[in-house]
Amino acid sequence: MSSGSRRAPPVGAVLCGLLLAASVARAAEPPARPSTTEINKQVSNPVSTTWSLKFENEILWLDSDGDGERAQYQLKFQPTLPLVLTRQWKLITRPEFVLVDDKPYTNSQGAARRTTGVGDTTLDLALAPTWKHWLLGLGPTFIFPSANLDETGQGKWQAGPAAVAGYQAPRWLAYVIAQQWWSFAGAADRQAVSQLHLQYVANWFFPHGWSVGTSPTIKFDWRADAGQQVTFPLGLQVAKVLRLGDHLPVKFLVQGLYMPIHPDAYGEHFGLQIEVTPVIPALLPQPLFGDP
């Protein structure tokens, strides 16, 4: 071989170079974004680390004790803001603001009236472990008397325990959320409060971001008269996640409700819920303590 000729590089060096180039190319590619069905699962999971901003329009038809039915409208804003504490634990922070409460009531003279205002504010805090299938969380829950009218709020500071327990499979999830509140301060002329909410949820997920399920809330007013304490609803919902543009997934949900058991005076009889939930990037995606 002449001194001007070049030797071919070893085969091993060529393979190493190709593997290195492929790894660099993969690292440069943006991560694959989750499907709309995966986003639907994340938003439906009450202890996931997904940040979202839920707007709920709720219309309730109230049975006014023999005087026909009257409609009540509420607009609620419920952001879900989880904080990843460590790789094993997270803190779920979920406030709920009642922005508009258009409510019928009966005045002291027995005449039917209607008023619109701001409702009370709820805050849930739940410490949850990071498990693959089990959905567990425990913490306090509070109600703050932020209503600007007596008719749209209870006028009491309230606190108590809250818990979530459930299971998530690849195609479905089911869980229960329990919240108990007792009043401990507030307006002296307002009635003391002891109430329990039990929300039971089941969702089945389908391709292209679709899901069907149920998520009603059973309500117990322990200080009401006997036979008037329980509101028991049945519900059916349909939901779908769509992408608005390239970076904003939004979950749309519609649920119809029927309450076969409810109080006689202004008890909830039928209901319609329409929810719009944008999914936003987590502001604090990394664990606050320990290695990320």
C-alpha atoms as a PDB file:
ATOM      1  CA  MET A   1       0.000   0.000   0.000  1.00  0.00           C
ATOM      2  CA  SER A   2       1.396   3.426  -0.916  1.00  0.00           C
ATOM      3  CA  SER A   3       2.181   5.982   1.741  1.00  0.00           C
ATOM      4  CA  GLY A   4      -0.522   8.360   0.314  1.00  0.00           C
ATOM      5  CA  SER A   5      -3.431   5.928   0.858  1.00  0.00           C
ATOM      6  CA  ARG A   6      -5.752   6.201   3.930  1.00  0.00           C
ATOM      7  CA  ARG A   7      -6.657   3.357   6.254  1.00  0.00           C
ATOM      8  CA  ALA A   8     -10.396   2.649   6.814  1.00  0.00           C
ATOM      9  CA  PRO A   9     -11.559   3.381  10.362  1.00  0.00           C
ATOM     10  CA  PRO A  10     -12.300   0.365  12.563  1.00  0.00           C
ATOM     11  CA  VAL A  11     -15.864  -0.973  12.474  1.00  0.00           C
ATOM     12  CA  GLY A  12     -16.222  -0.460  16.237  1.00  0.00           C
ATOM     13  CA  ALA A  13     -15.383   3.220  15.946  1.00  0.00           C
ATOM     14  CA  VAL A  14     -17.982   3.638  13.207  1.00  0.00           C
ATOM     15  CA  LEU A  15     -20.675   1.949  15.321  1.00  0.00           C
ATOM     16  CA  CYS A  16     -19.792   4.030  18.377  1.00  0.00           C
ATOM     17  CA  GLY A  17     -20.009   7.191  16.296  1.00  0.00           C
ATOM     18  CA  LEU A  18     -23.419   6.231  14.927  1.00  0.00           C
ATOM     19  CA  LEU A  19     -24.762   5.409  18.393  1.00  0.00           C
ATOM     20  CA  LEU A  20     -23.454   8.705  19.777  1.00  0.00           C
ATOM     21  CA  ALA A  21     -25.020  10.656  16.917  1.00  0.00           C
ATOM     22  CA  ALA A  22     -28.361   8.878  17.426  1.00  0.00           C
ATOM     23  CA  SER A  23     -28.364   9.598  21.166  1.00  0.00           C
ATOM     24  CA  VAL A  24     -27.598  13.289  20.551  1.00  0.00           C
ATOM     25  CA  ALA A  25     -30.423  13.472  17.998  1.00  0.00           C
ATOM     26  CA  ARG A  26     -32.885  11.885  20.437  1.00  0.00           C
ATOM     27  CA  ALA A  27     -31.839  14.297  23.191  1.00  0.00           C
ATOM     28  CA  ALA A  28     -32.422  17.234  20.862  1.00  0.00           C
ATOM     29  CA  GLU A  29     -35.949  16.101  20.008  1.00  0.00           C
ATOM     30  CA  PRO A  30     -38.751  17.537  22.171  1.00  0.00           C
ATOM     31  CA  PRO A  31     -40.377  14.991  24.534  1.00  0.00           C
ATOM     32  CA  ALA A  32     -43.447  13.279  23.177  1.00  0.00           C
ATOM     33  CA  ARG A  33     -46.558  15.040  24.451  1.00  0.00           C
ATOM     34  CA  PRO A  34     -49.202  12.936  26.183  1.00  0.00           C
ATOM     35  CA  SER A  35     -52.321  11.925  24.306  1.00  0.00           C
ATOM     36  CA  THR A  36     -55.652  13.570  25.062  1.00  0.00           C
ATOM     37  CA  THR A  37     -56.782  10.347  26.748  1.00  0.00           C
ATOM     38  CA  GLU A  38     -53.744  10.438  29.070  1.00  0.00           C
ATOM     39  CA  ILE A  39     -54.482  14.067  29.895  1.00  0.00           C
ATOM     40  CA  ASN A  40     -58.091  13.118  30.662  1.00  0.00           C
ATOM     41  CA  LYS A  41     -56.820  10.465  33.090  1.00  0.00           C
ATOM     42  CA  GLN A  42     -54.488  12.941  34.778  1.00  0.00           C
ATOM     43  CA  VAL A  43     -57.164  15.614  35.223  1.00  0.00           C
ATOM     44  CA  SER A  44     -59.656  13.028  36.517  1.00  0.00           C
ATOM     45  CA  ASN A  45     -57.167  11.783  39.127  1.00  0.00           C
ATOM     46  CA  PRO A  46     -57.734  13.838  42.321  1.00  0.00           C
ATOM     47  CA  VAL A  47     -54.144  13.307  43.576  1.00  0.00           C
ATOM     48  CA  SER A  48     -52.188  13.671  40.324  1.00  0.00           C
ATOM     49  CA  THR A  49     -49.489  16.317  39.875  1.00  0.00           C
ATOM     50  CA  THR A  50     -51.332  17.956  36.957  1.00  0.00           C
ATOM     51  CA  TRP A  51     -52.161  21.653  37.345  1.00  0.00           C
ATOM     52  CA  SER A  52     -55.571  22.740  36.063  1.00  0.00           C
ATOM     53  CA  LEU A  53     -58.121  25.556  36.275  1.00  0.00           C
ATOM     54  CA  LYS A  54     -61.716  24.317  36.416  1.00  0.00           C
ATOM     55  CA  PHE A  55     -64.706  26.564  35.697  1.00  0.00           C
ATOM     56  CA  GLU A  56     -67.997  24.896  36.621  1.00  0.00           C
ATOM     57  CA  ASN A  57     -71.430  26.181  35.618  1.00  0.00           C
ATOM     58  CA  GLU A  58     -74.098  24.505  37.739  1.00  0.00           C
ATOM     59  CA  ILE A  59     -77.864  24.831  37.411  1.00  0.00           C
ATOM     60  CA  LEU A  60     -79.970  23.244  40.151  1.00  0.00           C
ATOM     61  CA  TRP A  61     -83.743  22.914  40.108  1.00  0.00           C
ATOM     62  CA  LEU A  62     -84.961  23.200  43.699  1.00  0.00           C
ATOM     63  CA  ASP A  63     -88.193  21.737  45.015  1.00  0.00           C
ATOM     64  CA  SER A  64     -89.793  24.617  46.944  1.00  0.00           C
ATOM     65  CA  ASP A  65     -92.124  22.460  49.076  1.00  0.00           C
ATOM     66  CA  GLY A  66     -95.258  22.358  46.939  1.00  0.00           C
ATOM     67  CA  ASP A  67     -94.747  25.756  45.295  1.00  0.00           C
ATOM     68  CA  GLY A  68     -93.159  24.434  42.095  1.00  0.00           C
ATOM     69  CA  GLU A  69     -89.485  24.273  41.222  1.00  0.00           C
ATOM     70  CA  ARG A  70     -87.085  27.196  41.203  1.00  0.00           C
ATOM     71  CA  ALA A  71     -83.718  27.311  39.465  1.00  0.00           C
ATOM     72  CA  GLN A  72     -80.441  28.218  41.159  1.00  0.00           C
ATOM     73  CA  TYR A  73     -77.291  29.045  39.182  1.00  0.00           C
ATOM     74  CA  GLN A  74     -73.702  28.930  40.432  1.00  0.00           C
ATOM     75  CA  LEU A  75     -70.404  29.705  38.720  1.00  0.00           C
ATOM     76  CA  LYS A  76     -67.465  28.088  40.518  1.00  0.00           C
ATOM     77  CA  PHE A  77     -63.737  28.430  39.944  1.00  0.00           C
ATOM     78  CA  GLN A  78     -61.613  25.539  41.249  1.00  0.00           C
ATOM     79  CA  PRO A  79     -57.869  25.537  40.498  1.00  0.00           C
ATOM     80  CA  THR A  80     -55.900  22.393  41.341  1.00  0.00           C
ATOM     81  CA  LEU A  81     -52.320  23.248  42.333  1.00  0.00           C
ATOM     82  CA  PRO A  82     -50.322  20.191  43.460  1.00  0.00           C
ATOM     83  CA  LEU A  83     -46.889  20.639  45.019  1.00  0.00           C
ATOM     84  CA  VAL A  84     -44.372  17.805  44.734  1.00  0.00           C
ATOM     85  CA  LEU A  85     -42.716  17.694  48.161  1.00  0.00           C
ATOM     86  CA  THR A  86     -40.441  14.689  47.626  1.00  0.00           C
ATOM     87  CA  ARG A  87     -40.332  11.808  45.161  1.00  0.00           C
ATOM     88  CA  GLN A  88     -42.708   9.916  47.472  1.00  0.00           C
ATOM     89  CA  TRP A  89     -45.089  12.649  48.704  1.00  0.00           C
ATOM     90  CA  LYS A  90     -47.125  15.510  47.268  1.00  0.00           C
ATOM     91  CA  LEU A  91     -49.432  18.170  48.675  1.00  0.00           C
ATOM     92  CA  ILE A  92     -52.691  18.703  46.787  1.00  0.00           C
ATOM     93  CA  THR A  93     -53.976  22.267  47.122  1.00  0.00           C
ATOM     94  CA  ARG A  94     -57.487  22.837  45.806  1.00  0.00           C
ATOM     95  CA  PRO A  95     -59.447  26.033  46.605  1.00  0.00           C
ATOM     96  CA  GLU A  96     -62.977  26.617  45.320  1.00  0.00           C
ATOM     97  CA  PHE A  97     -64.402  30.098  44.777  1.00  0.00           C
ATOM     98  CA  VAL A  98     -68.121  30.643  44.181  1.00  0.00           C
ATOM     99  CA  LEU A  99     -67.983  33.658  41.881  1.00  0.00           C
ATOM    100  CA  VAL A 100     -71.721  33.931  41.201  1.00  0.00           C
ATOM    101  CA  ASP A 101     -74.561  32.514  43.276  1.00  0.00           C
ATOM    102  CA  ASP A 102     -78.022  33.285  41.855  1.00  0.00           C
ATOM    103  CA  LYS A 103     -80.254  31.827  44.543  1.00  0.00           C
ATOM    104  CA  PRO A 104     -84.002  31.729  45.276  1.00  0.00           C
ATOM    105  CA  TYR A 105     -85.164  32.039  48.895  1.00  0.00           C
ATOM    106  CA  THR A 106     -88.200  32.853  51.015  1.00  0.00           C
ATOM    107  CA  ASN A 107     -88.120  36.062  53.069  1.00  0.00           C
ATOM    108  CA  SER A 108     -89.454  36.544  56.588  1.00  0.00           C
ATOM    109  CA  GLN A 109     -92.925  37.381  55.224  1.00  0.00           C
ATOM    110  CA  GLY A 110     -93.050  34.084  53.303  1.00  0.00           C
ATOM    111  CA  ALA A 111     -92.659  35.681  49.876  1.00  0.00           C
ATOM    112  CA  ALA A 112     -90.445  34.093  47.237  1.00  0.00           C
ATOM    113  CA  ARG A 113     -87.434  36.204  46.335  1.00  0.00           C
ATOM    114  CA  ARG A 114     -84.174  35.838  44.378  1.00  0.00           C
ATOM    115  CA  THR A 115     -80.741  37.314  44.996  1.00  0.00           C
ATOM    116  CA  THR A 116     -77.302  37.152  43.373  1.00  0.00           C
ATOM    117  CA  GLY A 117     -73.953  37.455  45.095  1.00  0.00           C
ATOM    118  CA  VAL A 118     -70.617  35.837  45.903  1.00  0.00           C
ATOM    119  CA  GLY A 119     -70.574  32.577  47.852  1.00  0.00           C
ATOM    120  CA  ASP A 120     -68.326  31.116  50.543  1.00  0.00           C
ATOM    121  CA  THR A 121     -64.818  29.858  49.726  1.00  0.00           C
ATOM    122  CA  THR A 122     -63.592  26.299  50.289  1.00  0.00           C
ATOM    123  CA  LEU A 123     -59.969  25.173  50.640  1.00  0.00           C
ATOM    124  CA  ASP A 124     -58.839  21.531  50.593  1.00  0.00           C
ATOM    125  CA  LEU A 125     -55.309  20.426  51.504  1.00  0.00           C
ATOM    126  CA  ALA A 126     -54.360  16.757  51.131  1.00  0.00           C
ATOM    127  CA  LEU A 127     -51.053  14.980  51.687  1.00  0.00           C
ATOM    128  CA  ALA A 128     -50.850  12.106  49.185  1.00  0.00           C
ATOM    129  CA  PRO A 129     -48.272   9.371  48.566  1.00  0.00           C
ATOM    130  CA  THR A 130     -46.982   8.710  45.062  1.00  0.00           C
ATOM    131  CA  TRP A 131     -48.310   5.254  44.188  1.00  0.00           C
ATOM    132  CA  LYS A 132     -48.913   3.727  40.803  1.00  0.00           C
ATOM    133  CA  HIS A 133     -52.532   2.596  41.132  1.00  0.00           C
ATOM    134  CA  TRP A 134     -53.872   3.526  44.570  1.00  0.00           C
ATOM    135  CA  LEU A 135     -55.313   7.027  45.031  1.00  0.00           C
ATOM    136  CA  LEU A 136     -54.963   8.096  48.659  1.00  0.00           C
ATOM    137  CA  GLY A 137     -54.903  11.466  50.389  1.00  0.00           C
ATOM    138  CA  LEU A 138     -55.636  12.945  53.812  1.00  0.00           C
ATOM    139  CA  GLY A 139     -55.709  16.493  55.150  1.00  0.00           C
ATOM    140  CA  PRO A 140     -57.806  19.382  56.443  1.00  0.00           C
ATOM    141  CA  THR A 141     -60.610  21.224  54.688  1.00  0.00           C
ATOM    142  CA  PHE A 142     -61.861  24.741  55.418  1.00  0.00           C
ATOM    143  CA  ILE A 143     -64.806  26.984  54.515  1.00  0.00           C
ATOM    144  CA  PHE A 144     -64.326  30.756  54.786  1.00  0.00           C
ATOM    145  CA  PRO A 145     -67.379  33.083  55.051  1.00  0.00           C
ATOM    146  CA  SER A 146     -66.552  35.151  51.968  1.00  0.00           C
ATOM    147  CA  ALA A 147     -70.181  35.571  50.816  1.00  0.00           C
ATOM    148  CA  ASN A 148     -71.327  39.180  50.521  1.00  0.00           C
ATOM    149  CA  LEU A 149     -74.981  38.322  51.285  1.00  0.00           C
ATOM    150  CA  ASP A 150     -76.619  36.226  53.986  1.00  0.00           C
ATOM    151  CA  GLU A 151     -78.570  34.269  51.376  1.00  0.00           C
ATOM    152  CA  THR A 152     -75.466  33.155  49.427  1.00  0.00           C
ATOM    153  CA  GLY A 153     -73.354  31.958  52.371  1.00  0.00           C
ATOM    154  CA  GLN A 154     -73.530  30.361  55.800  1.00  0.00           C
ATOM    155  CA  GLY A 155     -71.741  33.133  57.681  1.00  0.00           C
ATOM    156  CA  LYS A 156     -69.504  30.722  59.600  1.00  0.00           C
ATOM    157  CA  TRP A 157     -65.829  29.788  59.713  1.00  0.00           C
ATOM    158  CA  GLN A 158     -65.662  26.020  59.302  1.00  0.00           C
ATOM    159  CA  ALA A 159     -62.996  23.304  59.418  1.00  0.00           C
ATOM    160  CA  GLY A 160     -62.702  19.536  59.493  1.00  0.00           C
ATOM    161  CA  PRO A 161     -61.010  16.499  57.938  1.00  0.00           C
ATOM    162  CA  ALA A 162     -60.976  15.466  54.285  1.00  0.00           C
ATOM    163  CA  ALA A 163     -59.850  12.234  52.654  1.00  0.00           C
ATOM    164  CA  VAL A 164     -59.709  10.559  49.249  1.00  0.00           C
ATOM    165  CA  ALA A 165     -59.441   6.842  48.533  1.00  0.00           C
ATOM    166  CA  GLY A 166     -59.624   5.042  45.211  1.00  0.00           C
ATOM    167  CA  TYR A 167     -57.955   3.002  42.499  1.00  0.00           C
ATOM    168  CA  GLN A 168     -56.801   3.744  38.939  1.00  0.00           C
ATOM    169  CA  ALA A 169     -56.525   1.056  36.245  1.00  0.00           C
ATOM    170  CA  PRO A 170     -55.375   1.568  32.640  1.00  0.00           C
ATOM    171  CA  ARG A 171     -58.935   2.095  31.332  1.00  0.00           C
ATOM    172  CA  TRP A 172     -60.882   3.308  34.389  1.00  0.00           C
ATOM    173  CA  LEU A 173     -60.650   4.887  37.818  1.00  0.00           C
ATOM    174  CA  ALA A 174     -62.932   5.065  40.850  1.00  0.00           C
ATOM    175  CA  TYR A 175     -62.627   6.961  44.113  1.00  0.00           C
ATOM    176  CA  VAL A 176     -64.507   8.659  46.961  1.00  0.00           C
ATOM    177  CA  ILE A 177     -63.816  12.097  48.454  1.00  0.00           C
ATOM    178  CA  ALA A 178     -65.125  12.787  51.984  1.00  0.00           C
ATOM    179  CA  GLN A 179     -65.284  16.281  53.530  1.00  0.00           C
ATOM    180  CA  GLN A 180     -66.689  17.042  56.997  1.00  0.00           C
ATOM    181  CA  TRP A 181     -67.036  20.606  58.280  1.00  0.00           C
ATOM    182  CA  TRP A 182     -67.932  21.981  61.703  1.00  0.00           C
ATOM    183  CA  SER A 183     -68.394  25.692  62.356  1.00  0.00           C
ATOM    184  CA  PHE A 184     -66.206  27.210  65.078  1.00  0.00           C
ATOM    185  CA  ALA A 185     -66.619  30.978  64.614  1.00  0.00           C
ATOM    186  CA  GLY A 186     -68.558  33.537  62.633  1.00  0.00           C
ATOM    187  CA  ALA A 187     -71.713  35.619  62.883  1.00  0.00           C
ATOM    188  CA  ALA A 188     -73.446  34.984  66.211  1.00  0.00           C
ATOM    189  CA  ASP A 189     -76.908  35.243  64.666  1.00  0.00           C
ATOM    190  CA  ARG A 190     -76.227  32.521  62.076  1.00  0.00           C
ATOM    191  CA  GLN A 191     -76.993  28.853  62.697  1.00  0.00           C
ATOM    192  CA  ALA A 192     -74.114  26.539  63.634  1.00  0.00           C
ATOM    193  CA  VAL A 193     -73.011  24.176  60.856  1.00  0.00           C
ATOM    194  CA  SER A 194     -72.195  20.465  60.757  1.00  0.00           C
ATOM    195  CA  GLN A 195     -72.183  19.022  57.250  1.00  0.00           C
ATOM    196  CA  LEU A 196     -70.634  16.124  55.338  1.00  0.00           C
ATOM    197  CA  HIS A 197     -70.041  15.817  51.574  1.00  0.00           C
ATOM    198  CA  LEU A 198     -69.317  12.429  49.975  1.00  0.00           C
ATOM    199  CA  GLN A 199     -68.428  12.583  46.277  1.00  0.00           C
ATOM    200  CA  TYR A 200     -68.331   9.222  44.519  1.00  0.00           C
ATOM    201  CA  VAL A 201     -66.581   9.138  41.143  1.00  0.00           C
ATOM    202  CA  ALA A 202     -66.133   6.509  38.433  1.00  0.00           C
ATOM    203  CA  ASN A 203     -64.755   7.156  34.943  1.00  0.00           C
ATOM    204  CA  TRP A 204     -64.168   4.922  31.912  1.00  0.00           C
ATOM    205  CA  PHE A 205     -61.684   6.213  29.342  1.00  0.00           C
ATOM    206  CA  PHE A 206     -61.799   5.773  25.569  1.00  0.00           C
ATOM    207  CA  PRO A 207     -59.494   6.788  22.699  1.00  0.00           C
ATOM    208  CA  HIS A 208     -59.280  10.373  21.410  1.00  0.00           C
ATOM    209  CA  GLY A 209     -59.809  11.935  24.850  1.00  0.00           C
ATOM    210  CA  TRP A 210     -63.344  10.654  25.519  1.00  0.00           C
ATOM    211  CA  SER A 211     -64.673   9.376  28.845  1.00  0.00           C
ATOM    212  CA  VAL A 212     -68.000   8.576  30.479  1.00  0.00           C
ATOM    213  CA  GLY A 213     -68.755   8.255  34.154  1.00  0.00           C
ATOM    214  CA  THR A 214     -70.404   9.738  37.205  1.00  0.00           C
ATOM    215  CA  SER A 215     -69.320  12.191  39.934  1.00  0.00           C
ATOM    216  CA  PRO A 216     -72.267  13.295  42.127  1.00  0.00           C
ATOM    217  CA  THR A 217     -71.915  14.524  45.711  1.00  0.00           C
ATOM    218  CA  ILE A 218     -74.051  13.145  48.551  1.00  0.00           C
ATOM    219  CA  LYS A 219     -74.751  15.886  51.103  1.00  0.00           C
ATOM    220  CA  PHE A 220     -75.584  15.459  54.802  1.00  0.00           C
ATOM    221  CA  ASP A 221     -76.804  18.398  56.904  1.00  0.00           C
ATOM    222  CA  TRP A 222     -76.551  16.971  60.418  1.00  0.00           C
ATOM    223  CA  ARG A 223     -78.362  19.936  62.011  1.00  0.00           C
ATOM    224  CA  ALA A 224     -81.441  19.733  59.788  1.00  0.00           C
ATOM    225  CA  ASP A 225     -84.667  18.129  60.980  1.00  0.00           C
ATOM    226  CA  ALA A 226     -85.029  14.358  60.827  1.00  0.00           C
ATOM    227  CA  GLY A 227     -85.906  13.252  57.283  1.00  0.00           C
ATOM    228  CA  GLN A 228     -84.515  16.484  55.828  1.00  0.00           C
ATOM    229  CA  GLN A 229     -80.794  15.839  56.278  1.00  0.00           C
ATOM    230  CA  VAL A 230     -79.799  13.953  53.126  1.00  0.00           C
ATOM    231  CA  THR A 231     -79.454  14.907  49.461  1.00  0.00           C
ATOM    232  CA  PHE A 232     -78.662  11.787  47.446  1.00  0.00           C
ATOM    233  CA  PRO A 233     -77.948  12.356  43.710  1.00  0.00           C
ATOM    234  CA  LEU A 234     -77.438  10.087  40.720  1.00  0.00           C
ATOM    235  CA  GLY A 235     -75.407  11.375  37.795  1.00  0.00           C
ATOM    236  CA  LEU A 236     -74.202  10.608  34.299  1.00  0.00           C
ATOM    237  CA  GLN A 237     -71.409  12.553  32.613  1.00  0.00           C
ATOM    238  CA  VAL A 238     -69.613  12.704  29.272  1.00  0.00           C
ATOM    239  CA  ALA A 239     -66.210  14.370  28.896  1.00  0.00           C
ATOM    240  CA  LYS A 240     -63.641  15.011  26.195  1.00  0.00           C
ATOM    241  CA  VAL A 241     -60.197  16.608  26.125  1.00  0.00           C
ATOM    242  CA  LEU A 242     -59.371  18.840  23.150  1.00  0.00           C
ATOM    243  CA  ARG A 243     -56.231  20.753  22.280  1.00  0.00           C
ATOM    244  CA  LEU A 244     -56.733  24.456  21.648  1.00  0.00           C
ATOM    245  CA  GLY A 245     -53.733  25.310  19.529  1.00  0.00           C
ATOM    246  CA  ASP A 246     -50.579  23.316  20.164  1.00  0.00           C
ATOM    247  CA  HIS A 247     -50.066  23.885  23.882  1.00  0.00           C
ATOM    248  CA  LEU A 248     -53.416  24.193  25.711  1.00  0.00           C
ATOM    249  CA  PRO A 249     -55.346  20.992  26.458  1.00  0.00           C
ATOM    250  CA  VAL A 250     -58.863  21.676  27.753  1.00  0.00           C
ATOM    251  CA  LYS A 251     -61.286  19.196  29.273  1.00  0.00           C
ATOM    252  CA  PHE A 252     -64.999  19.734  28.549  1.00  0.00           C
ATOM    253  CA  LEU A 253     -67.554  17.907  30.719  1.00  0.00           C
ATOM    254  CA  VAL A 254     -71.351  17.753  30.896  1.00  0.00           C
ATOM    255  CA  GLN A 255     -73.183  15.951  33.708  1.00  0.00           C
ATOM    256  CA  GLY A 256     -76.886  15.520  34.392  1.00  0.00           C
ATOM    257  CA  LEU A 257     -78.081  14.930  37.966  1.00  0.00           C
ATOM    258  CA  TYR A 258     -81.232  13.522  39.540  1.00  0.00           C
ATOM    259  CA  MET A 259     -81.790  13.611  43.298  1.00  0.00           C
ATOM    260  CA  PRO A 260     -84.381  10.983  44.342  1.00  0.00           C
ATOM    261  CA  ILE A 261     -83.775  11.871  48.020  1.00  0.00           C
ATOM    262  CA  HIS A 262     -83.711  15.551  49.010  1.00  0.00           C
ATOM    263  CA  PRO A 263     -85.145  17.962  51.607  1.00  0.00           C
ATOM    264  CA  ASP A 264     -88.667  19.246  51.062  1.00  0.00           C
ATOM    265  CA  ALA A 265     -87.953  22.981  51.329  1.00  0.00           C
ATOM    266  CA  TYR A 266     -85.666  24.114  48.486  1.00  0.00           C
ATOM    267  CA  GLY A 267     -84.146  20.666  48.162  1.00  0.00           C
ATOM    268  CA  GLU A 268     -82.084  19.918  45.057  1.00  0.00           C
ATOM    269  CA  HIS A 269     -84.192  17.868  42.625  1.00  0.00           C
ATOM    270  CA  PHE A 270     -82.439  18.032  39.241  1.00  0.00           C
ATOM    271  CA  GLY A 271     -79.106  19.457  38.171  1.00  0.00           C
ATOM    272  CA  LEU A 272     -76.925  20.211  35.160  1.00  0.00           C
ATOM    273  CA  GLN A 273     -73.159  20.770  35.368  1.00  0.00           C
ATOM    274  CA  ILE A 274     -71.004  22.114  32.530  1.00  0.00           C
ATOM    275  CA  GLU A 275     -67.267  22.214  33.218  1.00  0.00           C
ATOM    276  CA  VAL A 276     -64.391  23.744  31.261  1.00  0.00           C
ATOM    277  CA  THR A 277     -60.948  22.806  32.625  1.00  0.00           C
ATOM    278  CA  PRO A 278     -57.775  24.173  30.979  1.00  0.00           C
ATOM    279  CA  VAL A 279     -54.623  22.200  31.830  1.00  0.00           C
ATOM    280  CA  ILE A 280     -51.650  24.461  32.545  1.00  0.00           C
ATOM    281  CA  PRO A 281     -47.921  23.765  33.005  1.00  0.00           C
ATOM    282  CA  ALA A 282     -46.846  23.124  36.595  1.00  0.00           C
ATOM    283  CA  LEU A 283     -45.089  26.170  38.031  1.00  0.00           C
ATOM    284  CA  LEU A 284     -43.107  23.950  40.452  1.00  0.00           C
ATOM    285  CA  PRO A 285     -42.652  20.605  38.661  1.00  0.00           C
ATOM    286  CA  GLN A 286     -39.595  19.433  40.627  1.00  0.00           C
ATOM    287  CA  PRO A 287     -39.593  18.103  44.224  1.00  0.00           C
ATOM    288  CA  LEU A 288     -39.185  20.872  46.779  1.00  0.00           C
ATOM    289  CA  PHE A 289     -37.093  18.683  49.099  1.00  0.00           C
ATOM    290  CA  GLY A 290     -34.465  16.098  48.243  1.00  0.00           C
ATOM    291  CA  ASP A 291     -33.012  15.236  44.868  1.00  0.00           C
ATOM    292  CA  PRO A 292     -35.205  16.002  41.795  1.00  0.00           C
END
